[in-house]
C-alpha cells in the first residue's frame, strides 16, 4: 500500500514540475515542492503509524491562544 502512495506522489511530481520549469514559475515551484514534501511526510507518517500532532493544537500552543 505504501508503494502505491509513493508512486502517486512521484506521478504528481513528474506531471507538474516540468510545466512549472518550462513556464519559469520558480516561486510556484518552490511552494509546490514545499507543500508536496509536507504532504508526503504527513502521509508517510500516517502509513507507518508515526505519532502525529494536531496542527491546530500546535499553532495554539505556539501562539499562546
C-alpha atoms as a PDB file:
ATOM      1  CA  UNK A   1       0.000   0.000   0.000  1.00  0.00           C
ATOM      2  CA  UNK A   2       2.811   2.395   0.794  1.00  0.00           C
ATOM      3  CA  UNK A   3       4.311   1.787  -2.647  1.00  0.00           C
ATOM      4  CA  UNK A   4       1.105   2.982  -4.273  1.00  0.00           C
ATOM      5  CA  UNK A   5       1.294   6.167  -2.202  1.00  0.00           C
ATOM      6  CA  UNK A   6       4.928   6.771  -3.164  1.00  0.00           C
ATOM      7  CA  UNK A   7       4.147   6.088  -6.833  1.00  0.00           C
ATOM      8  CA  UNK A   8       1.232   8.526  -6.708  1.00  0.00           C
ATOM      9  CA  UNK A   9       3.418  11.264  -5.207  1.00  0.00           C
ATOM     10  CA  UNK A  10       6.071  10.662  -7.859  1.00  0.00           C
ATOM     11  CA  UNK A  11       3.436  10.753 -10.590  1.00  0.00           C
ATOM     12  CA  UNK A  12       2.180  14.122  -9.353  1.00  0.00           C
ATOM     13  CA  UNK A  13       5.770  15.358  -9.274  1.00  0.00           C
ATOM     14  CA  UNK A  14       6.517  14.119 -12.802  1.00  0.00           C
ATOM     15  CA  UNK A  15       3.350  15.704 -14.207  1.00  0.00           C
ATOM     16  CA  UNK A  16       3.529  19.116 -12.526  1.00  0.00           C
ATOM     17  CA  UNK A  17       7.216  20.060 -12.263  1.00  0.00           C
ATOM     18  CA  UNK A  18       8.216  20.144 -15.963  1.00  0.00           C
ATOM     19  CA  UNK A  19       5.403  22.580 -16.775  1.00  0.00           C
ATOM     20  CA  UNK A  20       6.373  24.902 -13.944  1.00  0.00           C
ATOM     21  CA  UNK A  21      10.015  24.862 -15.015  1.00  0.00           C
ATOM     22  CA  UNK A  22       9.130  25.378 -18.686  1.00  0.00           C
ATOM     23  CA  UNK A  23       6.981  28.413 -17.864  1.00  0.00           C
ATOM     24  CA  UNK A  24       9.675  29.692 -15.457  1.00  0.00           C
ATOM     25  CA  UNK A  25       7.300  29.810 -12.474  1.00  0.00           C
ATOM     26  CA  UNK A  26      10.031  29.248  -9.933  1.00  0.00           C
ATOM     27  CA  UNK A  27       8.173  30.701  -6.953  1.00  0.00           C
ATOM     28  CA  UNK A  28       5.214  28.462  -7.689  1.00  0.00           C
ATOM     29  CA  UNK A  29       7.621  25.547  -7.989  1.00  0.00           C
ATOM     30  CA  UNK A  30       9.107  26.283  -4.556  1.00  0.00           C
ATOM     31  CA  UNK A  31       5.664  26.493  -2.940  1.00  0.00           C
ATOM     32  CA  UNK A  32       4.518  23.344  -4.748  1.00  0.00           C
ATOM     33  CA  UNK A  33       7.602  21.403  -3.646  1.00  0.00           C
ATOM     34  CA  UNK A  34       7.254  22.648  -0.061  1.00  0.00           C
ATOM     35  CA  UNK A  35       3.611  21.581   0.155  1.00  0.00           C
ATOM     36  CA  UNK A  36       4.295  18.281  -1.605  1.00  0.00           C
ATOM     37  CA  UNK A  37       7.101  17.423   0.827  1.00  0.00           C
ATOM     38  CA  UNK A  38       4.931  18.281   3.829  1.00  0.00           C
ATOM     39  CA  UNK A  39       2.050  16.238   2.442  1.00  0.00           C
ATOM     40  CA  UNK A  40       4.352  13.360   1.556  1.00  0.00           C
ATOM     41  CA  UNK A  41       5.799  13.093   5.049  1.00  0.00           C
ATOM     42  CA  UNK A  42       2.397  13.504   6.716  1.00  0.00           C
ATOM     43  CA  UNK A  43       1.049  10.676   4.554  1.00  0.00           C
ATOM     44  CA  UNK A  44       4.130   8.578   5.220  1.00  0.00           C
ATOM     45  CA  UNK A  45       3.700   9.137   8.942  1.00  0.00           C
ATOM     46  CA  UNK A  46       0.074   8.037   8.647  1.00  0.00           C
ATOM     47  CA  UNK A  47       1.001   4.820   6.825  1.00  0.00           C
ATOM     48  CA  UNK A  48       3.860   3.985   9.198  1.00  0.00           C
ATOM     49  CA  UNK A  49       1.768   4.800  12.295  1.00  0.00           C
ATOM     50  CA  UNK A  50       4.139   7.519  13.491  1.00  0.00           C
ATOM     51  CA  UNK A  51       2.691   9.758  16.199  1.00  0.00           C
ATOM     52  CA  UNK A  52       1.183  12.865  14.623  1.00  0.00           C
ATOM     53  CA  UNK A  53       0.276  16.047  16.403  1.00  0.00           C
ATOM     54  CA  UNK A  54      -2.788  18.078  15.598  1.00  0.00           C
ATOM     55  CA  UNK A  55      -1.655  21.113  13.552  1.00  0.00           C
ATOM     56  CA  UNK A  56      -4.215  23.418  15.158  1.00  0.00           C
ATOM     57  CA  UNK A  57      -3.134  22.387  18.656  1.00  0.00           C
ATOM     58  CA  UNK A  58       0.481  23.089  17.732  1.00  0.00           C
ATOM     59  CA  UNK A  59      -0.419  26.548  16.415  1.00  0.00           C
ATOM     60  CA  UNK A  60      -2.414  27.439  19.500  1.00  0.00           C
ATOM     61  CA  UNK A  61       0.383  26.363  21.809  1.00  0.00           C
ATOM     62  CA  UNK A  62       2.952  28.254  19.720  1.00  0.00           C
ATOM     63  CA  UNK A  63       0.981  31.498  19.517  1.00  0.00           C
ATOM     64  CA  UNK A  64      -0.385  31.185  23.049  1.00  0.00           C
ATOM     65  CA  UNK A  65      -4.045  31.480  22.100  1.00  0.00           C
END
